[in-house]
Amino acid sequence: MSPPVTPLPTASLGELLLWLLRRRVRKQVTGDSMLPTLRADDMVLVDPRAYRRKLPQPDEIVIARHPFHRDLTIIKRIAEITPDRRCVLLSDNAAAGSDSRAFGPLSPASIIGRVTCRILANG
């Protein structure tokens, strides 16, 4: 099963203001697991408060703690929510990176935040 590839919006002035107010966290993408949506070295903004009052939803792109390497963060798309509310995370590029096909569904507590947008680079 491949996750749908929904484009990620470019940062709006509102999102950049939230970042300046420290309501968003900037993260850099590493690797090709989220191609074509995100490339290595893309910068994204993450809402670390996104799931305080609501559960993650399918098709959202999230930053999560890798289940086997807790100091490593991963960026993946939520493909589905299981009946026990665990998140199945998949790469947009199934040929690259590890995802729930390798490590299984993750608890919502493993999710650090929802990716809200990407920041366009100069050039």
C-alpha atoms as a PDB file:
ATOM      1  CA  MET A   1       0.000   0.000   0.000  1.00  0.00           C
ATOM      2  CA  SER A   2       1.464   3.367  -1.029  1.00  0.00           C
ATOM      3  CA  PRO A   3       0.472   6.511   0.824  1.00  0.00           C
ATOM      4  CA  PRO A   4      -1.148   9.268  -1.188  1.00  0.00           C
ATOM      5  CA  VAL A   5       1.338  11.931  -2.202  1.00  0.00           C
ATOM      6  CA  THR A   6      -0.280  15.212  -1.209  1.00  0.00           C
ATOM      7  CA  PRO A   7       1.886  18.278  -1.814  1.00  0.00           C
ATOM      8  CA  LEU A   8       3.209  20.144   1.199  1.00  0.00           C
ATOM      9  CA  PRO A   9       2.476  23.879   1.135  1.00  0.00           C
ATOM     10  CA  THR A  10       5.203  26.494   1.019  1.00  0.00           C
ATOM     11  CA  ALA A  11       5.594  28.578   4.185  1.00  0.00           C
ATOM     12  CA  SER A  12       3.141  31.448   4.398  1.00  0.00           C
ATOM     13  CA  LEU A  13       3.820  34.698   6.238  1.00  0.00           C
ATOM     14  CA  GLY A  14       1.619  33.366   9.045  1.00  0.00           C
ATOM     15  CA  GLU A  15       3.698  30.193   9.398  1.00  0.00           C
ATOM     16  CA  LEU A  16       6.928  32.213   9.391  1.00  0.00           C
ATOM     17  CA  LEU A  17       5.496  34.484  12.087  1.00  0.00           C
ATOM     18  CA  LEU A  18       4.603  31.416  14.185  1.00  0.00           C
ATOM     19  CA  TRP A  19       8.204  30.248  13.756  1.00  0.00           C
ATOM     20  CA  LEU A  20       9.527  33.638  14.906  1.00  0.00           C
ATOM     21  CA  LEU A  21       7.200  33.391  17.922  1.00  0.00           C
ATOM     22  CA  ARG A  22       8.644  29.928  18.638  1.00  0.00           C
ATOM     23  CA  ARG A  23       5.356  28.156  17.924  1.00  0.00           C
ATOM     24  CA  ARG A  24       7.021  26.255  15.081  1.00  0.00           C
ATOM     25  CA  VAL A  25      10.352  24.420  14.986  1.00  0.00           C
ATOM     26  CA  ARG A  26      12.564  24.378  11.894  1.00  0.00           C
ATOM     27  CA  LYS A  27      13.953  21.006  10.799  1.00  0.00           C
ATOM     28  CA  GLN A  28      16.170  19.975   7.902  1.00  0.00           C
ATOM     29  CA  VAL A  29      15.269  16.932   5.813  1.00  0.00           C
ATOM     30  CA  THR A  30      17.959  14.281   5.384  1.00  0.00           C
ATOM     31  CA  GLY A  31      17.769  11.485   2.854  1.00  0.00           C
ATOM     32  CA  ASP A  32      15.429  10.711  -0.021  1.00  0.00           C
ATOM     33  CA  SER A  33      12.679   8.776   1.756  1.00  0.00           C
ATOM     34  CA  MET A  34      10.091  11.523   1.210  1.00  0.00           C
ATOM     35  CA  LEU A  35      10.716  12.154  -2.500  1.00  0.00           C
ATOM     36  CA  PRO A  36       8.972  13.642  -4.444  1.00  0.00           C
ATOM     37  CA  THR A  37       7.335  15.664  -1.642  1.00  0.00           C
ATOM     38  CA  LEU A  38      10.553  16.594   0.166  1.00  0.00           C
ATOM     39  CA  ARG A  39      14.200  16.444  -0.893  1.00  0.00           C
ATOM     40  CA  ALA A  40      17.346  16.087   1.174  1.00  0.00           C
ATOM     41  CA  ASP A  41      18.302  19.478   2.656  1.00  0.00           C
ATOM     42  CA  ASP A  42      14.772  20.927   2.379  1.00  0.00           C
ATOM     43  CA  MET A  43      13.776  22.922   5.447  1.00  0.00           C
ATOM     44  CA  VAL A  44      10.362  22.365   7.017  1.00  0.00           C
ATOM     45  CA  LEU A  45       8.408  23.919   9.859  1.00  0.00           C
ATOM     46  CA  VAL A  46       6.979  21.597  12.496  1.00  0.00           C
ATOM     47  CA  ASP A  47       4.118  22.248  14.911  1.00  0.00           C
ATOM     48  CA  PRO A  48       5.170  20.503  18.149  1.00  0.00           C
ATOM     49  CA  ARG A  49       1.781  21.315  19.728  1.00  0.00           C
ATOM     50  CA  ALA A  50      -0.326  19.813  16.929  1.00  0.00           C
ATOM     51  CA  TYR A  51      -1.347  16.691  18.806  1.00  0.00           C
ATOM     52  CA  ARG A  52      -1.935  18.067  22.286  1.00  0.00           C
ATOM     53  CA  ARG A  53      -5.698  18.209  21.720  1.00  0.00           C
ATOM     54  CA  LYS A  54      -6.238  15.983  18.703  1.00  0.00           C
ATOM     55  CA  LEU A  55      -4.978  12.708  17.341  1.00  0.00           C
ATOM     56  CA  PRO A  56      -2.771  12.448  14.255  1.00  0.00           C
ATOM     57  CA  GLN A  57      -4.672  11.916  10.995  1.00  0.00           C
ATOM     58  CA  PRO A  58      -3.894   9.926   7.834  1.00  0.00           C
ATOM     59  CA  ASP A  59      -1.988  11.835   5.130  1.00  0.00           C
ATOM     60  CA  GLU A  60      -0.318  14.200   7.628  1.00  0.00           C
ATOM     61  CA  ILE A  61       3.476  14.422   7.443  1.00  0.00           C
ATOM     62  CA  VAL A  62       5.080  14.112  10.858  1.00  0.00           C
ATOM     63  CA  ILE A  63       8.408  14.100  12.647  1.00  0.00           C
ATOM     64  CA  ALA A  64       8.748  11.094  14.965  1.00  0.00           C
ATOM     65  CA  ARG A  65      11.326   9.361  17.115  1.00  0.00           C
ATOM     66  CA  HIS A  66      12.755   6.264  15.435  1.00  0.00           C
ATOM     67  CA  PRO A  67      11.622   3.280  17.540  1.00  0.00           C
ATOM     68  CA  PHE A  68      15.032   1.551  17.507  1.00  0.00           C
ATOM     69  CA  HIS A  69      17.277   4.643  17.600  1.00  0.00           C
ATOM     70  CA  ARG A  70      15.602   7.056  20.032  1.00  0.00           C
ATOM     71  CA  ASP A  71      18.121   9.842  19.322  1.00  0.00           C
ATOM     72  CA  LEU A  72      17.184   9.735  15.614  1.00  0.00           C
ATOM     73  CA  THR A  73      14.167  11.590  14.237  1.00  0.00           C
ATOM     74  CA  ILE A  74      12.380  10.565  11.065  1.00  0.00           C
ATOM     75  CA  ILE A  75       9.993  12.374   8.760  1.00  0.00           C
ATOM     76  CA  LYS A  76       7.172  10.235   7.347  1.00  0.00           C
ATOM     77  CA  ARG A  77       3.567  10.388   6.177  1.00  0.00           C
ATOM     78  CA  ILE A  78       0.810   8.827   8.263  1.00  0.00           C
ATOM     79  CA  ALA A  79      -0.729   6.158   6.044  1.00  0.00           C
ATOM     80  CA  GLU A  80      -3.326   4.960   8.533  1.00  0.00           C
ATOM     81  CA  ILE A  81      -4.353   4.874  12.164  1.00  0.00           C
ATOM     82  CA  THR A  82      -4.854   1.359  13.544  1.00  0.00           C
ATOM     83  CA  PRO A  83      -7.878   0.452  15.712  1.00  0.00           C
ATOM     84  CA  ASP A  84      -5.635   0.765  18.801  1.00  0.00           C
ATOM     85  CA  ARG A  85      -4.721   4.326  17.635  1.00  0.00           C
ATOM     86  CA  ARG A  86      -1.165   3.537  16.560  1.00  0.00           C
ATOM     87  CA  CYS A  87       0.229   5.367  13.518  1.00  0.00           C
ATOM     88  CA  VAL A  88       1.409   3.544  10.409  1.00  0.00           C
ATOM     89  CA  LEU A  89       4.168   5.754   8.986  1.00  0.00           C
ATOM     90  CA  LEU A  90       5.298   5.335   5.390  1.00  0.00           C
ATOM     91  CA  SER A  91       7.894   6.993   3.207  1.00  0.00           C
ATOM     92  CA  ASP A  92       6.615   8.665   0.032  1.00  0.00           C
ATOM     93  CA  ASN A  93       9.587   6.976  -1.683  1.00  0.00           C
ATOM     94  CA  ALA A  94       9.141   3.304  -0.754  1.00  0.00           C
ATOM     95  CA  ALA A  95      12.595   2.444  -2.133  1.00  0.00           C
ATOM     96  CA  ALA A  96      14.407   4.643   0.405  1.00  0.00           C
ATOM     97  CA  GLY A  97      14.442   4.799   4.182  1.00  0.00           C
ATOM     98  CA  SER A  98      12.830   2.681   6.834  1.00  0.00           C
ATOM     99  CA  ASP A  99       9.224   3.073   7.885  1.00  0.00           C
ATOM    100  CA  SER A 100       6.422   1.068   9.509  1.00  0.00           C
ATOM    101  CA  ARG A 101       7.002  -1.761   7.029  1.00  0.00           C
ATOM    102  CA  ALA A 102      10.266  -2.339   8.925  1.00  0.00           C
ATOM    103  CA  PHE A 103       9.405  -1.287  12.489  1.00  0.00           C
ATOM    104  CA  GLY A 104       5.613  -1.484  12.728  1.00  0.00           C
ATOM    105  CA  PRO A 105       3.093   1.146  13.808  1.00  0.00           C
ATOM    106  CA  LEU A 106       4.152   3.776  16.357  1.00  0.00           C
ATOM    107  CA  SER A 107       2.275   5.119  19.345  1.00  0.00           C
ATOM    108  CA  PRO A 108       1.177   8.760  19.089  1.00  0.00           C
ATOM    109  CA  ALA A 109       3.625   9.498  21.936  1.00  0.00           C
ATOM    110  CA  SER A 110       6.483   8.829  19.479  1.00  0.00           C
ATOM    111  CA  ILE A 111       5.343  11.681  17.248  1.00  0.00           C
ATOM    112  CA  ILE A 112       7.164  14.952  17.907  1.00  0.00           C
ATOM    113  CA  GLY A 113       4.989  17.153  15.702  1.00  0.00           C
ATOM    114  CA  ARG A 114       3.193  17.750  12.423  1.00  0.00           C
ATOM    115  CA  VAL A 115       5.056  19.217   9.457  1.00  0.00           C
ATOM    116  CA  THR A 116       3.078  22.296   8.432  1.00  0.00           C
ATOM    117  CA  CYS A 117       5.050  23.548   5.422  1.00  0.00           C
ATOM    118  CA  ARG A 118       8.407  23.739   3.731  1.00  0.00           C
ATOM    119  CA  ILE A 119      10.605  26.796   3.499  1.00  0.00           C
ATOM    120  CA  LEU A 120      11.750  27.759   0.024  1.00  0.00           C
ATOM    121  CA  ALA A 121      15.509  28.082  -0.305  1.00  0.00           C
ATOM    122  CA  ASN A 122      17.153  30.957  -2.128  1.00  0.00           C
ATOM    123  CA  GLY A 123      18.281  30.056  -5.606  1.00  0.00           C
END
